[in-house]
Protein backbone atom coordinates (compact mmCIF):
# COMPACT_ATOMS: atom_id res chain seq x y z
CA MET A 1 125.97 76.00 84.63
CA SER A 2 124.63 78.71 82.35
CA ASP A 3 123.29 76.04 79.94
CA TYR A 4 121.31 74.54 82.81
CA ASN A 5 119.85 77.96 83.70
CA SER A 6 118.88 78.70 80.10
CA GLU A 7 117.29 75.25 79.76
CA MET A 8 115.29 75.78 82.96
CA LYS A 9 114.15 79.22 81.77
CA GLU A 10 113.09 77.77 78.42
CA LEU A 11 111.15 75.04 80.22
CA ALA A 12 109.48 77.57 82.54
CA ASP A 13 108.56 79.82 79.60
CA ASN A 14 107.06 76.88 77.72
CA LEU A 15 105.07 75.76 80.76
CA TRP A 16 103.77 79.30 81.34
CA SER A 17 102.72 79.72 77.71
CA TYR A 18 100.78 76.45 78.04
CA PHE A 19 99.15 77.14 81.42
CA SER A 20 98.60 80.92 81.20
CA PRO A 21 95.50 80.77 78.93
CA LYS A 22 94.04 77.98 81.06
CA VAL A 23 94.51 79.95 84.29
CA GLU A 24 93.01 83.07 82.71
CA ALA A 25 89.98 81.14 81.44
CA ALA A 26 89.44 79.42 84.80
CA THR A 27 89.58 82.65 86.79
CA ARG A 28 87.70 84.92 84.37
CA SER A 29 84.54 84.84 86.50
CA CYS A 30 86.33 85.09 89.87
CA LEU A 31 86.52 88.13 92.09
CA ARG A 32 89.51 88.90 94.27
CA LEU A 33 89.73 91.36 97.15
CA GLU A 34 92.66 93.76 97.43
CA LYS A 35 93.35 96.25 100.19
CA ALA A 36 93.87 99.83 98.98
CA THR A 37 94.38 103.30 100.44
CA VAL A 38 92.09 106.24 99.70
CA GLN A 39 94.05 109.01 97.98
CA SER A 40 91.39 111.72 97.67
CA ALA A 41 87.89 112.49 98.88
CA PRO A 42 85.04 110.89 96.91
CA SER A 43 83.64 113.00 94.09
CA GLY A 44 81.03 112.29 91.46
CA GLY A 45 80.47 108.68 92.55
CA THR A 46 84.14 107.67 92.42
CA VAL A 47 87.08 107.73 94.81
CA ALA A 48 90.82 107.65 94.07
CA VAL A 49 92.61 104.65 95.60
CA ARG A 50 96.11 103.17 95.40
CA LEU A 51 97.06 99.53 95.81
CA PRO A 52 100.04 98.74 98.05
CA PHE A 53 103.39 98.69 96.24
CA ASP A 54 101.84 100.37 93.20
CA GLU A 55 102.15 104.06 92.38
CA THR A 56 99.12 104.02 90.08
CA VAL A 57 96.09 105.86 91.45
CA MET A 58 92.75 104.54 90.18
CA GLU A 59 89.39 106.30 90.21
CA LEU A 60 86.86 103.64 91.20
CA PRO A 61 83.15 103.61 91.96
CA TYR A 62 82.25 102.75 95.55
CA ALA A 63 79.38 101.27 97.54
CA SER A 64 77.16 104.17 98.59
CA SER A 65 77.19 103.04 102.25
CA LEU A 66 80.91 103.88 102.35
CA SER A 67 80.54 107.59 101.58
CA GLY A 68 81.17 108.65 105.20
CA ASN A 69 84.22 106.38 105.61
CA LEU A 70 86.25 107.38 102.55
CA SER A 71 88.61 109.93 104.03
CA ILE A 72 92.13 110.39 102.66
CA GLY A 73 94.45 107.72 104.04
CA ALA A 74 91.63 105.33 104.98
CA SER A 75 92.10 101.65 104.14
CA VAL A 76 89.44 100.02 102.00
CA TRP A 77 88.91 96.71 100.24
CA ILE A 78 88.22 96.69 96.54
CA GLY A 79 86.68 93.90 94.51
CA ILE A 80 88.56 93.19 91.29
CA PRO A 81 87.31 90.82 88.62
CA TYR A 82 90.36 88.78 87.60
CA SER A 83 89.72 89.48 83.97
CA ASP A 84 89.56 93.29 84.14
CA LEU A 85 91.02 95.73 86.67
CA SER A 86 89.02 98.57 85.07
CA ASN A 87 85.81 96.99 86.45
CA ALA A 88 86.99 97.11 90.08
CA VAL A 89 84.79 98.68 92.77
CA VAL A 90 85.40 99.78 96.38
CA LEU A 91 83.30 97.40 98.49
CA PHE A 92 84.25 97.63 102.19
CA ASP A 93 86.11 99.80 104.64
CA ALA A 94 89.14 98.08 106.18
CA THR A 95 87.09 96.60 109.01
CA PHE A 96 84.38 95.11 106.71
CA GLN A 97 81.76 97.03 108.72
CA ASN A 98 80.17 98.76 105.75
CA LEU A 99 78.92 97.19 102.56
């Protein structure tokens, strides 16, 4: 049975190495939305947020209309270009009422 598992893993690895560049190229210009939690008050045009299930806190720019809604613990939506997490920006509060 272990030979079968190793063969399947080898097949999966080969498929991923083939498809991975194609997926990356196809989604390079896409934008995904992720929910995040505000970790600190906004300062200097950025706010610290944390994605669910991730301990990393990121300092991101935010839409100026959100300045009154960015209290610690608030839920927000951030826009992340698939190609680069460092270009993410806080776009909406959790209810999509502010842009």
